[in-house]
Amino acid sequence: RVPASEADQIVDKVRANGGTAWHLIGTNEGHGFAKKE
């Protein structure tokens, strides 16, 4: 639905501007985290 590139591009831009951006990526997840761990 919302491709991961939507997150990548804003994290990169915020960091390039000197801002703080944490980023957590679920490589086995989609539109929300469905796995308990």
PDB file of all heavy atoms in Angstrom:
ATOM      1  N   ARG A   1       0.831  -1.208   0.000  1.00  0.00           N
ATOM      2  CA  ARG A   1       0.000   0.000   0.000  1.00  0.00           C
ATOM      3  C   ARG A   1       0.861   1.252   0.000  1.00  0.00           C
ATOM      4  O   ARG A   1       0.803   2.067  -0.915  1.00  0.00           O
ATOM      5  CB  ARG A   1      -0.932  -0.009   1.213  1.00  0.00           C
ATOM      6  CG  ARG A   1      -1.769  -1.260   1.342  1.00  0.00           C
ATOM      7  CD  ARG A   1      -2.771  -1.118   2.467  1.00  0.00           C
ATOM      8  NE  ARG A   1      -3.370  -2.401   2.827  1.00  0.00           N
ATOM      9  CZ  ARG A   1      -4.411  -2.541   3.630  1.00  0.00           C
ATOM     10  NH1 ARG A   1      -4.965  -1.476   4.161  1.00  0.00           N
ATOM     11  NH2 ARG A   1      -4.890  -3.753   3.910  1.00  0.00           N
ATOM     12  N   VAL A   2       1.651   1.394   1.063  1.00  0.00           N
ATOM     13  CA  VAL A   2       2.578   2.524   1.163  1.00  0.00           C
ATOM     14  C   VAL A   2       3.984   1.949   1.046  1.00  0.00           C
ATOM     15  O   VAL A   2       4.517   1.398   2.012  1.00  0.00           O
ATOM     16  CB  VAL A   2       2.406   3.276   2.498  1.00  0.00           C
ATOM     17  CG1 VAL A   2       3.370   4.453   2.562  1.00  0.00           C
ATOM     18  CG2 VAL A   2       0.962   3.760   2.652  1.00  0.00           C
ATOM     19  N   PRO A   3       4.598   2.040  -0.130  1.00  0.00           N
ATOM     20  CA  PRO A   3       5.903   1.404  -0.335  1.00  0.00           C
ATOM     21  C   PRO A   3       6.956   1.906   0.639  1.00  0.00           C
ATOM     22  O   PRO A   3       6.904   3.055   1.115  1.00  0.00           O
ATOM     23  CB  PRO A   3       6.259   1.786  -1.776  1.00  0.00           C
ATOM     24  CG  PRO A   3       4.950   2.120  -2.423  1.00  0.00           C
ATOM     25  CD  PRO A   3       4.097   2.708  -1.343  1.00  0.00           C
ATOM     26  N   ALA A   4       7.909   1.035   0.939  1.00  0.00           N
ATOM     27  CA  ALA A   4       8.968   1.380   1.890  1.00  0.00           C
ATOM     28  C   ALA A   4       9.766   2.606   1.443  1.00  0.00           C
ATOM     29  O   ALA A   4      10.359   3.302   2.276  1.00  0.00           O
ATOM     30  CB  ALA A   4       9.905   0.190   2.074  1.00  0.00           C
ATOM     31  N   SER A   5       9.774   2.885   0.162  1.00  0.00           N
ATOM     32  CA  SER A   5      10.495   4.058  -0.343  1.00  0.00           C
ATOM     33  C   SER A   5       9.941   5.355   0.227  1.00  0.00           C
ATOM     34  O   SER A   5      10.657   6.362   0.310  1.00  0.00           O
ATOM     35  CB  SER A   5      10.432   4.095  -1.877  1.00  0.00           C
ATOM     36  OG  SER A   5       9.089   4.028  -2.334  1.00  0.00           O
ATOM     37  N   GLU A   6       8.659   5.357   0.631  1.00  0.00           N
ATOM     38  CA  GLU A   6       8.077   6.550   1.251  1.00  0.00           C
ATOM     39  C   GLU A   6       8.788   6.890   2.557  1.00  0.00           C
ATOM     40  O   GLU A   6       8.970   8.059   2.902  1.00  0.00           O
ATOM     41  CB  GLU A   6       6.587   6.345   1.498  1.00  0.00           C
ATOM     42  CG  GLU A   6       5.740   6.319   0.252  1.00  0.00           C
ATOM     43  CD  GLU A   6       5.765   7.633  -0.503  1.00  0.00           C
ATOM     44  OE1 GLU A   6       5.395   8.669   0.092  1.00  0.00           O
ATOM     45  OE2 GLU A   6       6.181   7.635  -1.679  1.00  0.00           O
ATOM     46  N   ALA A   7       9.185   5.871   3.287  1.00  0.00           N
ATOM     47  CA  ALA A   7       9.919   6.091   4.537  1.00  0.00           C
ATOM     48  C   ALA A   7      11.365   6.461   4.258  1.00  0.00           C
ATOM     49  O   ALA A   7      11.916   7.392   4.868  1.00  0.00           O
ATOM     50  CB  ALA A   7       9.844   4.840   5.408  1.00  0.00           C
ATOM     51  N   ASP A   8      11.993   5.726   3.345  1.00  0.00           N
ATOM     52  CA  ASP A   8      13.417   5.959   3.069  1.00  0.00           C
ATOM     53  C   ASP A   8      13.679   7.400   2.688  1.00  0.00           C
ATOM     54  O   ASP A   8      14.643   8.024   3.165  1.00  0.00           O
ATOM     55  CB  ASP A   8      13.888   5.035   1.940  1.00  0.00           C
ATOM     56  CG  ASP A   8      13.822   3.561   2.314  1.00  0.00           C
ATOM     57  OD1 ASP A   8      13.841   3.261   3.523  1.00  0.00           O
ATOM     58  OD2 ASP A   8      13.757   2.725   1.390  1.00  0.00           O
ATOM     59  N   GLN A   9      12.831   7.958   1.828  1.00  0.00           N
ATOM     60  CA  GLN A   9      13.124   9.287   1.298  1.00  0.00           C
ATOM     61  C   GLN A   9      12.977  10.385   2.358  1.00  0.00           C
ATOM     62  O   GLN A   9      13.754  11.350   2.377  1.00  0.00           O
ATOM     63  CB  GLN A   9      12.257   9.586   0.076  1.00  0.00           C
ATOM     64  CG  GLN A   9      10.768   9.584   0.297  1.00  0.00           C
ATOM     65  CD  GLN A   9       9.982   9.563  -1.019  1.00  0.00           C
ATOM     66  OE1 GLN A   9      10.542   9.393  -2.099  1.00  0.00           O
ATOM     67  NE2 GLN A   9       8.658   9.745  -0.939  1.00  0.00           N
ATOM     68  N   ILE A  10      12.030  10.227   3.290  1.00  0.00           N
ATOM     69  CA  ILE A  10      11.896  11.284   4.293  1.00  0.00           C
ATOM     70  C   ILE A  10      12.945  11.138   5.397  1.00  0.00           C
ATOM     71  O   ILE A  10      13.452  12.132   5.920  1.00  0.00           O
ATOM     72  CB  ILE A  10      10.469  11.352   4.865  1.00  0.00           C
ATOM     73  CG1 ILE A  10      10.246  12.736   5.500  1.00  0.00           C
ATOM     74  CG2 ILE A  10      10.201  10.223   5.857  1.00  0.00           C
ATOM     75  CD1 ILE A  10       8.799  13.088   5.713  1.00  0.00           C
ATOM     76  N   VAL A  11      13.296   9.888   5.748  1.00  0.00           N
ATOM     77  CA  VAL A  11      14.367   9.693   6.733  1.00  0.00           C
ATOM     78  C   VAL A  11      15.666  10.290   6.205  1.00  0.00           C
ATOM     79  O   VAL A  11      16.385  11.002   6.922  1.00  0.00           O
ATOM     80  CB  VAL A  11      14.535   8.189   7.046  1.00  0.00           C
ATOM     81  CG1 VAL A  11      15.833   7.945   7.819  1.00  0.00           C
ATOM     82  CG2 VAL A  11      13.346   7.674   7.849  1.00  0.00           C
ATOM     83  N   ASP A  12      15.966  10.022   4.946  1.00  0.00           N
ATOM     84  CA  ASP A  12      17.194  10.558   4.347  1.00  0.00           C
ATOM     85  C   ASP A  12      17.195  12.079   4.363  1.00  0.00           C
ATOM     86  O   ASP A  12      18.215  12.714   4.677  1.00  0.00           O
ATOM     87  CB  ASP A  12      17.351  10.060   2.910  1.00  0.00           C
ATOM     88  CG  ASP A  12      17.676   8.576   2.830  1.00  0.00           C
ATOM     89  OD1 ASP A  12      18.054   7.996   3.875  1.00  0.00           O
ATOM     90  OD2 ASP A  12      17.548   8.002   1.733  1.00  0.00           O
ATOM     91  N   LYS A  13      16.061  12.685   4.033  1.00  0.00           N
ATOM     92  CA  LYS A  13      16.014  14.146   3.944  1.00  0.00           C
ATOM     93  C   LYS A  13      16.099  14.796   5.318  1.00  0.00           C
ATOM     94  O   LYS A  13      16.785  15.812   5.495  1.00  0.00           O
ATOM     95  CB  LYS A  13      14.742  14.586   3.225  1.00  0.00           C
ATOM     96  CG  LYS A  13      14.787  16.039   2.758  1.00  0.00           C
ATOM     97  CD  LYS A  13      13.760  16.312   1.679  1.00  0.00           C
ATOM     98  CE  LYS A  13      13.917  17.721   1.124  1.00  0.00           C
ATOM     99  NZ  LYS A  13      12.936  17.988   0.031  1.00  0.00           N
ATOM    100  N   VAL A  14      15.401  14.224   6.299  1.00  0.00           N
ATOM    101  CA  VAL A  14      15.460  14.783   7.652  1.00  0.00           C
ATOM    102  C   VAL A  14      16.889  14.703   8.191  1.00  0.00           C
ATOM    103  O   VAL A  14      17.411  15.670   8.769  1.00  0.00           O
ATOM    104  CB  VAL A  14      14.472  14.055   8.580  1.00  0.00           C
ATOM    105  CG1 VAL A  14      14.722  14.425  10.044  1.00  0.00           C
ATOM    106  CG2 VAL A  14      13.037  14.391   8.193  1.00  0.00           C
ATOM    107  N   ARG A  15      17.531  13.577   7.968  1.00  0.00           N
ATOM    108  CA  ARG A  15      18.912  13.434   8.446  1.00  0.00           C
ATOM    109  C   ARG A  15      19.863  14.357   7.701  1.00  0.00           C
ATOM    110  O   ARG A  15      20.781  14.941   8.311  1.00  0.00           O
ATOM    111  CB  ARG A  15      19.356  11.981   8.283  1.00  0.00           C
ATOM    112  CG  ARG A  15      18.703  11.027   9.275  1.00  0.00           C
ATOM    113  CD  ARG A  15      19.078   9.585   8.985  1.00  0.00           C
ATOM    114  NE  ARG A  15      18.538   8.660   9.982  1.00  0.00           N
ATOM    115  CZ  ARG A  15      18.623   7.343   9.905  1.00  0.00           C
ATOM    116  NH1 ARG A  15      19.229   6.775   8.861  1.00  0.00           N
ATOM    117  NH2 ARG A  15      18.111   6.580  10.853  1.00  0.00           N
ATOM    118  N   ALA A  16      19.642  14.531   6.409  1.00  0.00           N
ATOM    119  CA  ALA A  16      20.509  15.427   5.627  1.00  0.00           C
ATOM    120  C   ALA A  16      20.400  16.864   6.113  1.00  0.00           C
ATOM    121  O   ALA A  16      21.356  17.643   5.998  1.00  0.00           O
ATOM    122  CB  ALA A  16      20.149  15.338   4.153  1.00  0.00           C
ATOM    123  N   ASN A  17      19.220  17.185   6.682  1.00  0.00           N
ATOM    124  CA  ASN A  17      19.011  18.532   7.215  1.00  0.00           C
ATOM    125  C   ASN A  17      19.459  18.667   8.667  1.00  0.00           C
ATOM    126  O   ASN A  17      19.218  19.698   9.299  1.00  0.00           O
ATOM    127  CB  ASN A  17      17.536  18.914   7.097  1.00  0.00           C
ATOM    128  CG  ASN A  17      17.099  19.099   5.660  1.00  0.00           C
ATOM    129  OD1 ASN A  17      17.879  19.540   4.819  1.00  0.00           O
ATOM    130  ND2 ASN A  17      15.845  18.774   5.373  1.00  0.00           N
ATOM    131  N   GLY A  18      20.088  17.608   9.194  1.00  0.00           N
ATOM    132  CA  GLY A  18      20.598  17.659  10.556  1.00  0.00           C
ATOM    133  C   GLY A  18      19.603  17.251  11.618  1.00  0.00           C
ATOM    134  O   GLY A  18      19.876  17.404  12.812  1.00  0.00           O
ATOM    135  N   GLY A  19      18.445  16.705  11.202  1.00  0.00           N
ATOM    136  CA  GLY A  19      17.433  16.307  12.163  1.00  0.00           C
ATOM    137  C   GLY A  19      17.650  14.899  12.687  1.00  0.00           C
ATOM    138  O   GLY A  19      18.460  14.131  12.160  1.00  0.00           O
ATOM    139  N   THR A  20      16.896  14.556  13.733  1.00  0.00           N
ATOM    140  CA  THR A  20      16.938  13.225  14.325  1.00  0.00           C
ATOM    141  C   THR A  20      15.848  12.364  13.721  1.00  0.00           C
ATOM    142  O   THR A  20      14.668  12.749  13.723  1.00  0.00           O
ATOM    143  CB  THR A  20      16.730  13.304  15.848  1.00  0.00           C
ATOM    144  OG1 THR A  20      17.803  14.042  16.426  1.00  0.00           O
ATOM    145  CG2 THR A  20      16.669  11.914  16.472  1.00  0.00           C
ATOM    146  N   ALA A  21      16.226  11.195  13.189  1.00  0.00           N
ATOM    147  CA  ALA A  21      15.239  10.283  12.617  1.00  0.00           C
ATOM    148  C   ALA A  21      15.648   8.848  12.919  1.00  0.00           C
ATOM    149  O   ALA A  21      16.631   8.349  12.375  1.00  0.00           O
ATOM    150  CB  ALA A  21      15.111  10.494  11.112  1.00  0.00           C
ATOM    151  N   TRP A  22      14.896   8.207  13.812  1.00  0.00           N
ATOM    152  CA  TRP A  22      15.055   6.769  14.027  1.00  0.00           C
ATOM    153  C   TRP A  22      14.285   6.053  12.923  1.00  0.00           C
ATOM    154  O   TRP A  22      13.261   6.550  12.438  1.00  0.00           O
ATOM    155  CB  TRP A  22      14.467   6.354  15.369  1.00  0.00           C
ATOM    156  CG  TRP A  22      15.094   6.954  16.589  1.00  0.00           C
ATOM    157  CD1 TRP A  22      15.941   8.020  16.665  1.00  0.00           C
ATOM    158  CD2 TRP A  22      14.879   6.519  17.942  1.00  0.00           C
ATOM    159  NE1 TRP A  22      16.269   8.274  17.970  1.00  0.00           N
ATOM    160  CE2 TRP A  22      15.639   7.369  18.772  1.00  0.00           C
ATOM    161  CE3 TRP A  22      14.134   5.507  18.518  1.00  0.00           C
ATOM    162  CZ2 TRP A  22      15.661   7.222  20.159  1.00  0.00           C
ATOM    163  CZ3 TRP A  22      14.147   5.357  19.893  1.00  0.00           C
ATOM    164  CH2 TRP A  22      14.908   6.200  20.700  1.00  0.00           C
ATOM    165  N   HIS A  23      14.762   4.851  12.547  1.00  0.00           N
ATOM    166  CA  HIS A  23      14.073   4.112  11.485  1.00  0.00           C
ATOM    167  C   HIS A  23      14.124   2.619  11.803  1.00  0.00           C
ATOM    168  O   HIS A  23      15.204   2.040  11.922  1.00  0.00           O
ATOM    169  CB  HIS A  23      14.739   4.385  10.128  1.00  0.00           C
ATOM    170  CG  HIS A  23      13.911   3.922   8.956  1.00  0.00           C
ATOM    171  ND1 HIS A  23      14.393   3.905   7.671  1.00  0.00           N
ATOM    172  CD2 HIS A  23      12.637   3.467   8.875  1.00  0.00           C
ATOM    173  CE1 HIS A  23      13.457   3.467   6.847  1.00  0.00           C
ATOM    174  NE2 HIS A  23      12.381   3.193   7.559  1.00  0.00           N
ATOM    175  N   LEU A  24      12.930   2.009  11.943  1.00  0.00           N
ATOM    176  CA  LEU A  24      12.808   0.574  12.204  1.00  0.00           C
ATOM    177  C   LEU A  24      12.110  -0.071  11.016  1.00  0.00           C
ATOM    178  O   LEU A  24      10.993   0.316  10.667  1.00  0.00           O
ATOM    179  CB  LEU A  24      12.013   0.330  13.487  1.00  0.00           C
ATOM    180  CG  LEU A  24      11.906  -1.127  13.953  1.00  0.00           C
ATOM    181  CD1 LEU A  24      13.269  -1.659  14.386  1.00  0.00           C
ATOM    182  CD2 LEU A  24      10.886  -1.257  15.096  1.00  0.00           C
ATOM    183  N   ILE A  25      12.759  -1.053  10.389  1.00  0.00           N
ATOM    184  CA  ILE A  25      12.238  -1.704   9.192  1.00  0.00           C
ATOM    185  C   ILE A  25      11.999  -3.183   9.463  1.00  0.00           C
ATOM    186  O   ILE A  25      12.893  -3.882   9.950  1.00  0.00           O
ATOM    187  CB  ILE A  25      13.202  -1.556   8.000  1.00  0.00           C
ATOM    188  CG1 ILE A  25      13.576  -0.089   7.777  1.00  0.00           C
ATOM    189  CG2 ILE A  25      12.622  -2.165   6.733  1.00  0.00           C
ATOM    190  CD1 ILE A  25      14.980   0.255   8.176  1.00  0.00           C
ATOM    191  N   GLY A  26      10.793  -3.648   9.143  1.00  0.00           N
ATOM    192  CA  GLY A  26      10.482  -5.071   9.234  1.00  0.00           C
ATOM    193  C   GLY A  26      10.618  -5.707   7.865  1.00  0.00           C
ATOM    194  O   GLY A  26       9.787  -5.467   6.986  1.00  0.00           O
ATOM    195  N   THR A  27      11.667  -6.496   7.660  1.00  0.00           N
ATOM    196  CA  THR A  27      11.901  -7.070   6.333  1.00  0.00           C
ATOM    197  C   THR A  27      10.922  -8.184   5.995  1.00  0.00           C
ATOM    198  O   THR A  27      10.822  -8.575   4.829  1.00  0.00           O
ATOM    199  CB  THR A  27      13.345  -7.598   6.211  1.00  0.00           C
ATOM    200  OG1 THR A  27      13.545  -8.657   7.157  1.00  0.00           O
ATOM    201  CG2 THR A  27      14.357  -6.495   6.468  1.00  0.00           C
ATOM    202  N   ASN A  28      10.202  -8.688   6.981  1.00  0.00           N
ATOM    203  CA  ASN A  28       9.188  -9.717   6.735  1.00  0.00           C
ATOM    204  C   ASN A  28       7.792  -9.215   7.084  1.00  0.00           C
ATOM    205  O   ASN A  28       6.911  -9.981   7.450  1.00  0.00           O
ATOM    206  CB  ASN A  28       9.500 -10.987   7.520  1.00  0.00           C
ATOM    207  CG  ASN A  28       9.492 -10.757   9.033  1.00  0.00           C
ATOM    208  OD1 ASN A  28       9.533  -9.607   9.494  1.00  0.00           O
ATOM    209  ND2 ASN A  28       9.452 -11.829   9.808  1.00  0.00           N
ATOM    210  N   GLU A  29       7.593  -7.899   6.964  1.00  0.00           N
ATOM    211  CA  GLU A  29       6.310  -7.288   7.307  1.00  0.00           C
ATOM    212  C   GLU A  29       5.810  -6.409   6.158  1.00  0.00           C
ATOM    213  O   GLU A  29       6.574  -6.038   5.263  1.00  0.00           O
ATOM    214  CB  GLU A  29       6.440  -6.433   8.576  1.00  0.00           C
ATOM    215  CG  GLU A  29       6.842  -7.204   9.823  1.00  0.00           C
ATOM    216  CD  GLU A  29       5.699  -8.006  10.445  1.00  0.00           C
ATOM    217  OE1 GLU A  29       4.618  -8.108   9.824  1.00  0.00           O
ATOM    218  OE2 GLU A  29       5.879  -8.522  11.556  1.00  0.00           O
ATOM    219  N   GLY A  30       4.522  -6.091   6.224  1.00  0.00           N
ATOM    220  CA  GLY A  30       3.901  -5.252   5.211  1.00  0.00           C
ATOM    221  C   GLY A  30       3.333  -3.983   5.806  1.00  0.00           C
ATOM    222  O   GLY A  30       4.050  -3.208   6.435  1.00  0.00           O
ATOM    223  N   HIS A  31       2.020  -3.793   5.638  1.00  0.00           N
ATOM    224  CA  HIS A  31       1.370  -2.558   6.084  1.00  0.00           C
ATOM    225  C   HIS A  31       1.028  -2.668   7.569  1.00  0.00           C
ATOM    226  O   HIS A  31      -0.125  -2.797   7.972  1.00  0.00           O
ATOM    227  CB  HIS A  31       0.122  -2.309   5.255  1.00  0.00           C
ATOM    228  CG  HIS A  31      -0.371  -0.902   5.301  1.00  0.00           C
ATOM    229  ND1 HIS A  31       0.378   0.163   4.852  1.00  0.00           N
ATOM    230  CD2 HIS A  31      -1.541  -0.370   5.737  1.00  0.00           C
ATOM    231  CE1 HIS A  31      -0.312   1.281   5.004  1.00  0.00           C
ATOM    232  NE2 HIS A  31      -1.474   0.987   5.560  1.00  0.00           N
ATOM    233  N   GLY A  32       2.074  -2.625   8.396  1.00  0.00           N
ATOM    234  CA  GLY A  32       1.947  -2.852   9.829  1.00  0.00           C
ATOM    235  C   GLY A  32       2.622  -4.150  10.208  1.00  0.00           C
ATOM    236  O   GLY A  32       2.863  -5.013   9.361  1.00  0.00           O
ATOM    237  N   PHE A  33       2.960  -4.294  11.477  1.00  0.00           N
ATOM    238  CA  PHE A  33       3.679  -5.473  11.960  1.00  0.00           C
ATOM    239  C   PHE A  33       2.666  -6.505  12.457  1.00  0.00           C
ATOM    240  O   PHE A  33       1.973  -6.277  13.449  1.00  0.00           O
ATOM    241  CB  PHE A  33       4.638  -5.100  13.080  1.00  0.00           C
ATOM    242  CG  PHE A  33       5.889  -4.393  12.606  1.00  0.00           C
ATOM    243  CD1 PHE A  33       6.002  -3.921  11.310  1.00  0.00           C
ATOM    244  CD2 PHE A  33       6.969  -4.221  13.464  1.00  0.00           C
ATOM    245  CE1 PHE A  33       7.155  -3.280  10.871  1.00  0.00           C
ATOM    246  CE2 PHE A  33       8.132  -3.575  13.046  1.00  0.00           C
ATOM    247  CZ  PHE A  33       8.218  -3.103  11.743  1.00  0.00           C
ATOM    248  N   ALA A  34       2.628  -7.669  11.794  1.00  0.00           N
ATOM    249  CA  ALA A  34       1.665  -8.718  12.137  1.00  0.00           C
ATOM    250  C   ALA A  34       2.273  -9.821  12.986  1.00  0.00           C
ATOM    251  O   ALA A  34       1.548 -10.648  13.527  1.00  0.00           O
ATOM    252  CB  ALA A  34       1.080  -9.320  10.858  1.00  0.00           C
ATOM    253  N   LYS A  35       3.590  -9.865  13.095  1.00  0.00           N
ATOM    254  CA  LYS A  35       4.269 -10.921  13.852  1.00  0.00           C
ATOM    255  C   LYS A  35       4.598 -10.398  15.248  1.00  0.00           C
ATOM    256  O   LYS A  35       5.171  -9.323  15.398  1.00  0.00           O
ATOM    257  CB  LYS A  35       5.523 -11.378  13.112  1.00  0.00           C
ATOM    258  CG  LYS A  35       5.189 -11.994  11.743  1.00  0.00           C
ATOM    259  CD  LYS A  35       6.420 -12.380  10.979  1.00  0.00           C
ATOM    260  CE  LYS A  35       6.030 -13.118   9.693  1.00  0.00           C
ATOM    261  NZ  LYS A  35       5.297 -12.252   8.746  1.00  0.00           N
ATOM    262  N   LYS A  36       4.252 -11.193  16.254  1.00  0.00           N
ATOM    263  CA  LYS A  36       4.344 -10.712  17.634  1.00  0.00           C
ATOM    264  C   LYS A  36       5.746 -10.276  18.013  1.00  0.00           C
ATOM    265  O   LYS A  36       5.926  -9.239  18.666  1.00  0.00           O
ATOM    266  CB  LYS A  36       3.847 -11.782  18.607  1.00  0.00           C
ATOM    267  CG  LYS A  36       3.814 -11.289  20.057  1.00  0.00           C
ATOM    268  CD  LYS A  36       3.300 -12.340  21.007  1.00  0.00           C
ATOM    269  CE  LYS A  36       3.158 -11.754  22.405  1.00  0.00           C
ATOM    270  NZ  LYS A  36       4.426 -11.292  22.979  1.00  0.00           N
ATOM    271  N   GLU A  37       6.758 -11.036  17.647  1.00  0.00           N
ATOM    272  CA  GLU A  37       8.104 -10.673  18.068  1.00  0.00           C
ATOM    273  C   GLU A  37       8.507  -9.312  17.493  1.00  0.00           C
ATOM    274  O   GLU A  37       9.198  -8.523  18.159  1.00  0.00           O
ATOM    275  CB  GLU A  37       9.124 -11.745  17.664  1.00  0.00           C
ATOM    276  CG  GLU A  37       9.277 -11.959  16.170  1.00  0.00           C
ATOM    277  CD  GLU A  37      10.358 -12.979  15.859  1.00  0.00           C
ATOM    278  OE1 GLU A  37      10.978 -13.505  16.808  1.00  0.00           O
ATOM    279  OE2 GLU A  37      10.578 -13.251  14.661  1.00  0.00           O
TER     280      GLU A  37
END
